[in-house]
């Protein structure tokens, strides 16, 4: 039996809870939301984008914008507004259950949870549980009666964490920084909302159920851009926030006074944010436009996406195709051409995952070349010199031998040392041919290479104090495999160009018709 002290404690908790449920904790009107707190009331005034966001009844709503634009504040307020709009079904009360998701537990606790607590840390009677998942239960009064809101905070540190989603039944889900979360999270949540809690048997009255999310703009080859911009799905709606900066008549960045959350930011917030940053950084985090910003030191800072990459690039009919091939269980093949004037055209990438080199060439590369380049039938491969070695496990042909047996004339590249390969790529990046870049890449058909140039192919920073120091070799990831393949092509093609440029040319008297004819 419970002791008298325990009974008294439980009685006091119930009394306090009932007392709290009678007082009003939040108030909505046409212009603002007032959250009553013990020290100072908090007032949320929706931005122009926020007003449209709160009025949306789409199944999936995504807000995209720069730093400091109030995206997460907009989303947490959407949650509270949504539960207050629920029909009465649980003991005559309105009740909802939401999941709040972030890509890692560290960012979930340090950023997403803190945003919620900043605004609603004193919202009514609060009960907290740590297991099996971090959960907050708010019981509050909005002036129209008692509301019950259950929040489940979920981090997706590992791929298997997606299993946490599969058993949930929630009214809505808020995914913070959607671009950093696996696409599967959104796919699974689509089946865990949509009137799963409450079910129609418990609450037959209509109510909104769905997903909200926010993010800084990702790359244009990101699945977010494809699903929300290109496919125009009926149940998806995207909200773009205004840029934080505008260019004046002199081409200088100045603050956009009409940007979202401007009243809560310093007047020079975006101006100082942009100082000393790359164009890509300004584009993504100050203007809220799609772009690529990575972490680490870029291997090829010479690469300019506006100069060296185009949306579509055609092959030269009849000219040979040079195939830069990297081995391993994530093999890659990069298709290039060299124009008669010495311009390198990077036309296509083929990438395999968990596949042997013979199957990759036979089932991916050869059919792809036949389909994509029907008028270019001469193929010359340059591959990792390590591919000349025969297997030490079973008596098989070498990787380069396998490629030759399949009908592609393949040679070992001159070296697989990293520095000559990087220098050969820079040779083309730093040259101009007839007023045009000597390096041209099809960004549509080479998305992994493009992502490597702009953000993924980097030198990782060393964990040391003082001056920034980086590893001497690029980080290994999905982009490094086609990058290696490109290097094997370039080290062959650049070497020929360098040798030709260094050839001593005889001075020719162009006034002498004999010499002119010989030349």
Protein backbone atom coordinates (compact mmCIF):
# COMPACT_ATOMS: atom_id res chain seq x y z
CA UNK A 1 0.00 0.00 0.00
CA UNK A 2 1.09 3.53 -0.71
CA UNK A 3 2.12 5.60 2.27
CA UNK A 4 0.16 8.63 3.44
CA UNK A 5 2.95 10.91 2.17
CA UNK A 6 2.82 9.35 -1.31
CA UNK A 7 -0.97 9.70 -1.42
CA UNK A 8 -0.71 13.34 -0.36
CA UNK A 9 1.94 13.97 -3.05
CA UNK A 10 -0.20 12.39 -5.79
CA UNK A 11 -3.25 14.34 -4.58
CA UNK A 12 -1.32 17.62 -4.76
CA UNK A 13 -0.08 16.79 -8.28
CA UNK A 14 -3.64 16.10 -9.46
CA UNK A 15 -4.90 19.28 -7.79
CA UNK A 16 -2.13 21.37 -9.36
CA UNK A 17 -2.79 19.79 -12.74
CA UNK A 18 -6.51 20.57 -12.53
CA UNK A 19 -5.73 24.11 -11.42
CA UNK A 20 -3.39 24.59 -14.37
CA UNK A 21 -5.93 23.24 -16.83
CA UNK A 22 -8.42 25.91 -15.74
CA UNK A 23 -6.10 28.86 -16.45
CA UNK A 24 -5.33 29.96 -19.97
CA UNK A 25 -1.84 29.27 -21.27
CA UNK A 26 -1.96 30.40 -24.88
CA UNK A 27 -4.07 32.78 -26.95
CA UNK A 28 -4.49 33.01 -30.72
CA UNK A 29 -5.71 35.98 -32.72
CA UNK A 30 -5.50 37.13 -36.33
CA UNK A 31 -2.08 38.76 -35.98
CA UNK A 32 -0.17 36.91 -33.26
CA UNK A 33 0.08 34.10 -30.76
CA UNK A 34 0.60 34.89 -27.07
CA UNK A 35 2.20 32.20 -24.91
CA UNK A 36 1.76 33.01 -21.21
CA UNK A 37 4.87 32.40 -19.11
CA UNK A 38 5.82 32.94 -15.48
CA UNK A 39 8.28 35.76 -16.13
CA UNK A 40 7.39 37.32 -19.48
CA UNK A 41 4.82 36.45 -22.10
CA UNK A 42 6.17 35.26 -25.45
CA UNK A 43 4.60 36.67 -28.59
CA UNK A 44 4.85 34.94 -31.96
CA UNK A 45 4.02 37.07 -35.01
CA UNK A 46 3.92 35.00 -38.22
CA UNK A 47 5.95 36.33 -41.13
CA UNK A 48 4.25 36.67 -44.55
CA UNK A 49 5.58 33.21 -45.39
CA UNK A 50 4.48 31.94 -41.98
CA UNK A 51 0.90 33.10 -42.54
CA UNK A 52 0.71 31.08 -45.76
CA UNK A 53 2.39 28.12 -44.05
CA UNK A 54 -0.08 28.08 -41.16
CA UNK A 55 -3.05 28.26 -43.53
CA UNK A 56 -1.90 25.29 -45.62
CA UNK A 57 -3.84 22.04 -45.43
CA UNK A 58 -1.53 20.10 -47.75
CA UNK A 59 -0.44 16.65 -46.62
CA UNK A 60 3.26 17.57 -46.70
CA UNK A 61 4.45 21.16 -46.14
CA UNK A 62 8.10 22.19 -46.48
CA UNK A 63 9.57 25.62 -45.76
CA UNK A 64 12.95 26.44 -47.33
CA UNK A 65 15.02 29.49 -46.49
CA UNK A 66 18.33 31.00 -45.37
CA UNK A 67 19.88 31.09 -41.91
CA UNK A 68 18.00 33.06 -39.25
CA UNK A 69 14.69 33.12 -41.13
CA UNK A 70 12.62 31.58 -38.31
CA UNK A 71 11.85 28.26 -40.04
CA UNK A 72 11.92 26.10 -36.92
CA UNK A 73 9.94 28.68 -34.92
CA UNK A 74 7.33 28.63 -37.65
CA UNK A 75 7.11 24.82 -37.47
CA UNK A 76 6.83 24.43 -33.68
CA UNK A 77 4.05 27.02 -33.68
CA UNK A 78 2.34 25.08 -36.47
CA UNK A 79 2.25 22.06 -34.14
CA UNK A 80 0.46 23.93 -31.33
CA UNK A 81 -1.98 25.62 -33.71
CA UNK A 82 -2.75 22.24 -35.27
CA UNK A 83 -3.58 20.48 -32.00
CA UNK A 84 -5.80 23.39 -30.93
CA UNK A 85 -7.72 22.96 -34.20
CA UNK A 86 -8.42 19.29 -33.45
CA UNK A 87 -12.02 18.18 -32.86
CA UNK A 88 -12.97 17.14 -29.32
CA UNK A 89 -12.70 13.36 -28.97
CA UNK A 90 -10.73 12.34 -25.86
CA UNK A 91 -12.91 12.81 -22.78
CA UNK A 92 -14.38 15.84 -24.53
CA UNK A 93 -10.87 17.23 -24.99
CA UNK A 94 -8.71 17.88 -28.02
CA UNK A 95 -5.74 15.56 -28.20
CA UNK A 96 -2.90 14.92 -30.67
CA UNK A 97 0.39 13.05 -30.84
CA UNK A 98 3.34 14.43 -32.84
CA UNK A 99 6.78 13.12 -33.72
CA UNK A 100 9.67 15.60 -33.93
CA UNK A 101 12.66 14.29 -35.89
CA UNK A 102 16.30 15.32 -36.41
CA UNK A 103 19.18 13.53 -38.09
CA UNK A 104 21.35 13.04 -34.97
CA UNK A 105 20.70 12.87 -31.24
CA UNK A 106 23.24 15.63 -30.60
CA UNK A 107 21.45 18.09 -32.88
CA UNK A 108 18.05 16.90 -31.65
CA UNK A 109 18.92 17.83 -28.06
CA UNK A 110 21.04 20.92 -28.73
CA UNK A 111 18.91 22.53 -31.43
CA UNK A 112 15.45 21.09 -32.11
CA UNK A 113 14.46 20.39 -28.49
CA UNK A 114 15.83 23.75 -27.39
CA UNK A 115 13.66 25.54 -29.98
CA UNK A 116 10.59 23.79 -28.58
CA UNK A 117 11.49 24.58 -24.96
CA UNK A 118 12.31 28.20 -25.78
CA UNK A 119 8.75 28.75 -26.95
CA UNK A 120 6.72 26.16 -25.06
CA UNK A 121 8.85 25.11 -22.09
CA UNK A 122 6.12 26.40 -19.75
CA UNK A 123 3.05 25.43 -21.76
CA UNK A 124 0.60 24.12 -19.15
CA UNK A 125 1.19 20.98 -17.10
CA UNK A 126 4.24 19.13 -18.46
CA UNK A 127 5.22 15.50 -17.93
CA UNK A 128 8.50 14.16 -19.31
CA UNK A 129 9.64 10.61 -20.03
CA UNK A 130 13.10 9.51 -21.20
CA UNK A 131 12.31 5.93 -22.26
CA UNK A 132 11.74 4.27 -24.61
CA UNK A 133 11.94 7.62 -26.44
CA UNK A 134 12.17 11.17 -25.14
CA UNK A 135 8.55 12.26 -24.71
CA UNK A 136 6.89 15.45 -23.48
CA UNK A 137 3.20 15.57 -22.58
CA UNK A 138 1.61 19.03 -22.38
CA UNK A 139 -1.86 19.59 -20.91
CA UNK A 140 -2.87 23.21 -21.43
CA UNK A 141 -5.79 25.55 -22.00
CA UNK A 142 -6.16 27.82 -25.03
CA UNK A 143 -9.24 29.62 -23.71
CA UNK A 144 -11.53 27.14 -25.45
CA UNK A 145 -10.94 24.26 -23.08
CA UNK A 146 -8.29 21.64 -22.27
CA UNK A 147 -5.84 20.44 -24.92
CA UNK A 148 -3.54 17.43 -24.63
CA UNK A 149 -0.38 17.26 -26.75
CA UNK A 150 2.09 14.37 -26.73
CA UNK A 151 5.49 14.94 -28.40
CA UNK A 152 7.91 12.13 -29.26
CA UNK A 153 11.46 13.27 -30.08
CA UNK A 154 13.34 10.95 -32.44
CA UNK A 155 16.96 11.00 -33.67
CA UNK A 156 18.02 9.08 -36.78
CA UNK A 157 21.73 8.58 -36.03
CA UNK A 158 21.87 5.24 -37.80
CA UNK A 159 20.04 3.67 -40.70
CA UNK A 160 18.40 1.14 -38.40
CA UNK A 161 16.88 4.03 -36.45
CA UNK A 162 14.30 4.23 -39.22
CA UNK A 163 12.69 1.23 -37.53
CA UNK A 164 11.60 3.58 -34.75
CA UNK A 165 9.22 5.17 -37.21
CA UNK A 166 7.55 2.00 -38.47
CA UNK A 167 5.57 1.30 -35.28
CA UNK A 168 4.39 4.87 -34.62
CA UNK A 169 0.86 6.13 -34.91
CA UNK A 170 0.87 9.91 -34.85
CA UNK A 171 -1.25 12.87 -35.84
CA UNK A 172 1.64 14.72 -37.43
CA UNK A 173 5.40 14.72 -37.87
CA UNK A 174 7.85 17.61 -37.90
CA UNK A 175 11.19 16.85 -39.61
CA UNK A 176 13.78 19.45 -38.73
CA UNK A 177 16.44 20.04 -41.46
CA UNK A 178 14.85 17.62 -43.92
CA UNK A 179 17.84 17.72 -46.30
CA UNK A 180 20.00 16.00 -43.65
CA UNK A 181 17.51 13.19 -43.05
CA UNK A 182 17.31 10.03 -45.22
CA UNK A 183 14.56 10.10 -47.82
CA UNK A 184 13.20 6.92 -46.25
CA UNK A 185 12.18 8.87 -43.13
CA UNK A 186 9.68 10.92 -45.12
CA UNK A 187 8.47 7.82 -46.95
CA UNK A 188 7.82 5.90 -43.72
CA UNK A 189 6.13 8.84 -41.99
CA UNK A 190 3.65 9.12 -44.85
CA UNK A 191 2.29 5.79 -43.64
CA UNK A 192 2.38 6.66 -39.93
CA UNK A 193 0.26 9.82 -40.13
CA UNK A 194 -2.82 10.41 -42.30
CA UNK A 195 -5.43 9.86 -39.57
CA UNK A 196 -3.55 7.09 -37.75
CA UNK A 197 -3.96 8.94 -34.41
CA UNK A 198 -6.75 9.28 -33.65
CA UNK A 199 -8.25 6.70 -35.98
CA UNK A 200 -11.65 7.39 -37.48
CA UNK A 201 -13.25 4.85 -35.12
CA UNK A 202 -12.29 7.08 -32.17
CA UNK A 203 -12.68 10.46 -33.87
CA UNK A 204 -14.98 10.45 -36.93
CA UNK A 205 -14.83 14.26 -37.29
CA UNK A 206 -12.40 15.58 -39.94
CA UNK A 207 -9.04 16.99 -38.89
CA UNK A 208 -5.67 17.77 -40.52
CA UNK A 209 -3.00 15.08 -40.35
CA UNK A 210 0.30 15.20 -42.17
CA UNK A 211 3.96 16.22 -42.21
CA UNK A 212 5.73 19.56 -41.87
CA UNK A 213 9.45 20.13 -42.42
CA UNK A 214 12.07 22.82 -42.78
CA UNK A 215 15.53 22.99 -44.33
CA UNK A 216 18.23 25.17 -45.78
CA UNK A 217 18.31 24.75 -49.56
CA UNK A 218 20.13 21.59 -50.72
CA UNK A 219 21.74 20.81 -54.10
CA UNK A 220 19.56 20.68 -57.18
CA UNK A 221 20.39 16.97 -57.48
CA UNK A 222 19.01 16.34 -53.98
CA UNK A 223 15.80 14.31 -53.73
CA UNK A 224 14.05 17.30 -52.14
CA UNK A 225 14.52 19.38 -55.29
CA UNK A 226 13.30 16.51 -57.47
CA UNK A 227 10.22 15.69 -55.35
CA UNK A 228 9.10 19.19 -54.39
CA UNK A 229 10.14 21.22 -57.44
CA UNK A 230 10.26 18.96 -60.50
CA UNK A 231 7.55 16.36 -59.89
CA UNK A 232 4.81 18.79 -58.76
CA UNK A 233 3.13 16.17 -56.54
CA UNK A 234 -0.39 17.16 -55.51
CA UNK A 235 0.08 16.48 -51.79
CA UNK A 236 3.46 18.28 -51.58
CA UNK A 237 3.71 22.02 -51.01
CA UNK A 238 6.91 24.05 -50.68
CA UNK A 239 7.28 27.55 -49.22
CA UNK A 240 10.33 29.62 -50.19
CA UNK A 241 11.32 32.40 -47.81
CA UNK A 242 12.65 35.73 -49.16
CA UNK A 243 16.40 36.25 -49.50
CA UNK A 244 18.23 37.96 -46.65
CA UNK A 245 20.31 40.06 -49.07
CA UNK A 246 19.72 42.07 -52.22
CA UNK A 247 22.19 43.71 -54.58
CA UNK A 248 21.99 47.48 -54.97
CA UNK A 249 22.69 49.43 -58.15
CA UNK A 250 26.44 49.17 -57.51
CA UNK A 251 26.32 45.39 -57.19
CA UNK A 252 26.89 45.45 -53.42
CA UNK A 253 24.99 43.18 -51.05
CA UNK A 254 22.57 45.07 -48.79
CA UNK A 255 19.99 43.79 -46.27
CA UNK A 256 16.54 42.87 -47.54
CA UNK A 257 14.27 44.67 -45.08
CA UNK A 258 11.35 42.49 -46.20
CA UNK A 259 12.99 39.16 -45.37
CA UNK A 260 11.33 36.85 -42.86
CA UNK A 261 12.22 37.43 -39.18
CA UNK A 262 13.94 40.74 -40.00
CA UNK A 263 12.57 42.38 -36.84
CA UNK A 264 14.37 39.80 -34.67
CA UNK A 265 17.73 40.03 -36.44
CA UNK A 266 20.47 42.65 -36.37
CA UNK A 267 20.27 45.03 -39.32
CA UNK A 268 23.60 43.78 -40.68
CA UNK A 269 23.04 40.10 -39.82
CA UNK A 270 23.21 38.80 -43.39
CA UNK A 271 25.84 41.33 -44.49
CA UNK A 272 28.24 40.10 -41.82
CA UNK A 273 27.27 36.49 -42.48
CA UNK A 274 28.27 36.89 -46.14
CA UNK A 275 31.62 38.59 -45.47
CA UNK A 276 34.54 36.48 -46.64
CA UNK A 277 32.31 33.59 -47.72
CA UNK A 278 32.16 31.79 -51.05
CA UNK A 279 29.47 32.51 -53.61
CA UNK A 280 27.90 29.12 -52.88
CA UNK A 281 27.72 29.86 -49.15
CA UNK A 282 26.04 33.22 -49.78
CA UNK A 283 23.67 31.62 -52.27
CA UNK A 284 22.48 28.93 -49.84
CA UNK A 285 22.63 30.49 -46.38
CA UNK A 286 21.99 34.17 -47.16
CA UNK A 287 19.77 34.05 -50.24
CA UNK A 288 17.96 30.77 -49.60
CA UNK A 289 18.67 29.41 -53.09
CA UNK A 290 19.59 25.87 -54.10
CA UNK A 291 23.34 25.31 -54.08
CA UNK A 292 26.22 23.22 -52.76
CA UNK A 293 28.10 23.95 -49.57
CA UNK A 294 30.27 21.26 -48.04
CA UNK A 295 32.47 20.86 -44.97
CA UNK A 296 36.19 20.46 -45.24
CA UNK A 297 38.75 21.91 -47.63
CA UNK A 298 37.83 21.49 -51.29
CA UNK A 299 40.28 19.48 -53.34
CA UNK A 300 39.49 21.55 -56.43
CA UNK A 301 38.80 25.16 -55.37
CA UNK A 302 39.45 26.09 -59.02
CA UNK A 303 36.13 24.50 -60.03
CA UNK A 304 33.48 27.11 -60.79
CA UNK A 305 30.02 25.53 -61.25
CA UNK A 306 28.84 28.43 -63.38
CA UNK A 307 31.89 28.17 -65.64
CA UNK A 308 32.86 24.51 -65.73
CA UNK A 309 29.44 22.81 -65.58
CA UNK A 310 26.48 22.95 -67.96
CA UNK A 311 23.04 21.39 -67.77
CA UNK A 312 23.50 19.42 -70.99
CA UNK A 313 26.56 18.53 -73.03
CA UNK A 314 26.55 16.70 -76.35
CA UNK A 315 29.20 14.22 -77.49
CA UNK A 316 31.24 14.73 -80.65
CA UNK A 317 30.11 12.09 -83.13
CA UNK A 318 32.88 9.81 -84.34
CA UNK A 319 35.41 10.95 -81.73
CA UNK A 320 36.72 8.31 -79.29
CA UNK A 321 35.32 8.02 -75.78
CA UNK A 322 37.86 7.85 -72.95
CA UNK A 323 36.71 5.77 -69.99
CA UNK A 324 38.31 6.51 -66.62
CA UNK A 325 37.71 3.40 -64.50
CA UNK A 326 38.08 2.91 -60.75
CA UNK A 327 37.80 -0.58 -59.22
CA UNK A 328 36.50 -1.97 -55.94
CA UNK A 329 32.98 -2.96 -54.89
CA UNK A 330 31.85 0.58 -55.71
CA UNK A 331 33.29 0.79 -59.22
CA UNK A 332 32.97 3.92 -61.32
CA UNK A 333 33.43 4.80 -64.96
CA UNK A 334 33.71 8.40 -66.17
CA UNK A 335 33.20 9.04 -69.89
CA UNK A 336 35.21 11.88 -71.45
CA UNK A 337 36.09 13.23 -74.87
CA UNK A 338 38.92 15.48 -75.98
CA UNK A 339 38.08 17.96 -78.72
CA UNK A 340 40.59 18.67 -81.52
CA UNK A 341 41.28 22.02 -79.85
CA UNK A 342 42.12 20.39 -76.49
CA UNK A 343 38.88 20.94 -74.56
CA UNK A 344 37.95 18.14 -72.13
CA UNK A 345 34.26 17.14 -72.20
CA UNK A 346 33.09 15.14 -69.18
CA UNK A 347 29.94 13.54 -70.55
CA UNK A 348 28.66 10.80 -68.26
CA UNK A 349 29.29 8.84 -65.08
CA UNK A 350 28.40 5.21 -64.39
CA UNK A 351 28.56 4.07 -60.76
CA UNK A 352 27.97 0.63 -59.28
CA UNK A 353 27.28 -0.43 -55.68
CA UNK A 354 28.26 -3.86 -54.33
CA UNK A 355 29.07 -5.21 -57.78
CA UNK A 356 32.18 -6.83 -59.28
CA UNK A 357 34.06 -5.18 -62.12
CA UNK A 358 33.07 -7.72 -64.78
CA UNK A 359 29.38 -7.46 -63.97
CA UNK A 360 29.66 -3.67 -63.77
CA UNK A 361 31.27 -3.36 -67.22
CA UNK A 362 29.08 -6.01 -68.84
CA UNK A 363 25.72 -5.01 -67.34
CA UNK A 364 26.08 -1.25 -66.72
CA UNK A 365 28.85 0.38 -68.74
CA UNK A 366 28.61 -1.34 -72.13
CA UNK A 367 24.78 -1.12 -72.40
CA UNK A 368 24.99 2.48 -71.19
CA UNK A 369 27.58 3.46 -73.79
CA UNK A 370 25.59 1.83 -76.57
CA UNK A 371 22.44 3.66 -75.52
CA UNK A 372 23.91 7.05 -74.61
CA UNK A 373 26.56 7.33 -77.34
CA UNK A 374 25.35 5.36 -80.37
CA UNK A 375 27.54 7.35 -82.78
CA UNK A 376 30.75 6.97 -80.79
CA UNK A 377 31.92 3.38 -81.17
CA UNK A 378 35.62 3.72 -80.30
CA UNK A 379 36.15 3.21 -76.57
CA UNK A 380 39.51 3.53 -74.81
CA UNK A 381 39.79 2.78 -71.10
CA UNK A 382 42.31 4.07 -68.57
CA UNK A 383 42.12 2.37 -65.20
CA UNK A 384 43.78 2.13 -61.82
CA UNK A 385 47.18 0.44 -62.39
CA UNK A 386 46.43 -1.82 -59.44
CA UNK A 387 43.89 -3.47 -61.75
CA UNK A 388 46.77 -5.27 -63.51
CA UNK A 389 47.22 -7.50 -60.48
CA UNK A 390 45.56 -10.91 -60.57
CA UNK A 391 43.39 -12.03 -57.67
CA UNK A 392 45.33 -13.48 -54.75
CA UNK A 393 42.28 -15.42 -53.54
CA UNK A 394 41.20 -17.24 -56.67
CA UNK A 395 42.98 -17.80 -59.96
CA UNK A 396 41.18 -15.21 -62.01
CA UNK A 397 42.09 -12.72 -64.70
CA UNK A 398 43.13 -9.22 -63.59
CA UNK A 399 40.51 -6.47 -63.56
CA UNK A 400 42.04 -4.78 -66.60
CA UNK A 401 42.21 -8.17 -68.31
CA UNK A 402 38.49 -8.70 -67.64
CA UNK A 403 37.68 -5.35 -69.27
CA UNK A 404 39.76 -6.17 -72.34
CA UNK A 405 38.12 -9.57 -72.64
CA UNK A 406 34.72 -7.82 -72.75
CA UNK A 407 35.80 -5.84 -75.81
CA UNK A 408 36.97 -2.52 -74.34
CA UNK A 409 40.58 -1.66 -75.04
CA UNK A 410 41.76 -0.77 -71.53
CA UNK A 411 45.20 0.34 -70.33
CA UNK A 412 46.65 0.93 -66.90
CA UNK A 413 46.95 4.65 -66.19
CA UNK A 414 50.50 6.02 -65.94
CA UNK A 415 50.29 6.15 -62.15
CA UNK A 416 47.82 5.98 -59.31
CA UNK A 417 49.74 8.48 -57.19
CA UNK A 418 47.28 11.09 -55.99
CA UNK A 419 49.25 14.27 -56.69
CA UNK A 420 49.81 13.71 -60.45
CA UNK A 421 46.14 12.82 -60.85
CA UNK A 422 44.97 15.96 -59.06
CA UNK A 423 47.41 18.08 -61.07
CA UNK A 424 46.13 16.64 -64.34
CA UNK A 425 42.54 17.62 -63.50
CA UNK A 426 43.69 21.11 -62.49
CA UNK A 427 45.51 21.36 -65.84
CA UNK A 428 42.15 21.44 -67.62
CA UNK A 429 40.35 23.47 -64.93
CA UNK A 430 42.88 26.30 -65.17
CA UNK A 431 43.01 26.57 -68.97
CA UNK A 432 40.93 28.36 -71.58
CA UNK A 433 40.48 27.15 -75.15
CA UNK A 434 39.32 29.67 -77.74
CA UNK A 435 37.92 31.85 -74.97
CA UNK A 436 36.06 28.94 -73.36
CA UNK A 437 36.94 26.75 -70.35
CA UNK A 438 39.09 23.76 -71.24
CA UNK A 439 36.99 21.73 -68.76
CA UNK A 440 33.27 21.26 -69.43
CA UNK A 441 31.09 18.83 -67.48
CA UNK A 442 27.49 17.73 -67.92
CA UNK A 443 26.14 18.30 -64.41
CA UNK A 444 22.88 16.46 -65.18
CA UNK A 445 24.59 13.23 -66.28
CA UNK A 446 27.43 13.52 -63.76
CA UNK A 447 25.62 14.36 -60.48
CA UNK A 448 28.09 12.54 -58.19
CA UNK A 449 31.07 14.24 -59.82
CA UNK A 450 29.35 17.61 -59.56
CA UNK A 451 28.60 17.03 -55.89
CA UNK A 452 32.22 16.01 -55.41
CA UNK A 453 33.56 19.18 -57.01
CA UNK A 454 31.22 21.44 -55.06
CA UNK A 455 31.08 19.85 -51.60
CA UNK A 456 31.93 16.15 -51.08
CA UNK A 457 35.47 15.69 -52.44
CA UNK A 458 37.40 17.41 -49.67
CA UNK A 459 40.39 17.18 -47.38
CA UNK A 460 39.14 16.32 -43.90
CA UNK A 461 40.18 18.67 -41.14
CA UNK A 462 42.45 17.19 -38.48
CA UNK A 463 41.28 17.32 -34.87
CA UNK A 464 44.14 19.49 -33.62
CA UNK A 465 44.16 22.84 -31.86
CA UNK A 466 45.63 26.01 -33.28
CA UNK A 467 45.98 26.60 -36.98
CA UNK A 468 43.64 24.61 -39.24
CA UNK A 469 45.31 21.50 -40.64
CA UNK A 470 43.95 18.94 -43.08
CA UNK A 471 44.75 15.41 -44.18
CA UNK A 472 47.03 15.13 -47.19
CA UNK A 473 44.66 12.82 -49.10
CA UNK A 474 41.01 13.48 -50.04
CA UNK A 475 38.28 11.90 -47.97
CA UNK A 476 36.94 8.58 -49.28
CA UNK A 477 33.20 8.61 -50.03
CA UNK A 478 30.80 8.02 -52.92
CA UNK A 479 32.23 10.98 -54.85
CA UNK A 480 35.83 9.83 -54.54
CA UNK A 481 35.32 6.83 -56.85
CA UNK A 482 34.25 8.74 -59.99
CA UNK A 483 36.80 11.43 -59.04
CA UNK A 484 39.52 8.78 -59.20
CA UNK A 485 38.18 7.62 -62.56
CA UNK A 486 38.28 11.19 -63.87
CA UNK A 487 41.88 11.45 -62.68
CA UNK A 488 42.92 8.36 -64.66
CA UNK A 489 41.46 9.90 -67.81
CA UNK A 490 43.00 13.30 -67.21
CA UNK A 491 46.49 12.04 -66.40
CA UNK A 492 46.65 10.47 -69.85
CA UNK A 493 45.01 13.29 -71.79
CA UNK A 494 46.74 16.08 -69.90
CA UNK A 495 50.16 14.45 -70.33
CA UNK A 496 49.73 14.41 -74.10
CA UNK A 497 48.66 18.05 -74.07
CA UNK A 498 51.55 19.11 -71.85
CA UNK A 499 54.02 17.30 -74.09
CA UNK A 500 52.57 18.93 -77.19
CA UNK A 501 52.68 22.39 -75.60
CA UNK A 502 56.35 21.91 -74.67
CA UNK A 503 57.38 20.79 -78.17
CA UNK A 504 59.95 23.21 -79.63
CA UNK A 505 58.47 24.86 -82.70
CA UNK A 506 60.73 26.11 -85.52
CA UNK A 507 60.48 29.78 -86.30
CA UNK A 508 58.89 29.97 -89.70
CA UNK A 509 59.26 32.90 -92.07
CA UNK A 510 55.67 33.21 -93.22
CA UNK A 511 56.80 35.50 -96.03
CA UNK A 512 58.66 32.56 -97.58
CA UNK A 513 56.15 30.51 -99.60
CA UNK A 514 58.29 27.37 -99.28
CA UNK A 515 58.30 27.45 -95.48
CA UNK A 516 54.63 28.42 -95.45
CA UNK A 517 53.82 25.36 -97.57
CA UNK A 518 55.91 23.04 -95.36
CA UNK A 519 54.20 24.30 -92.21
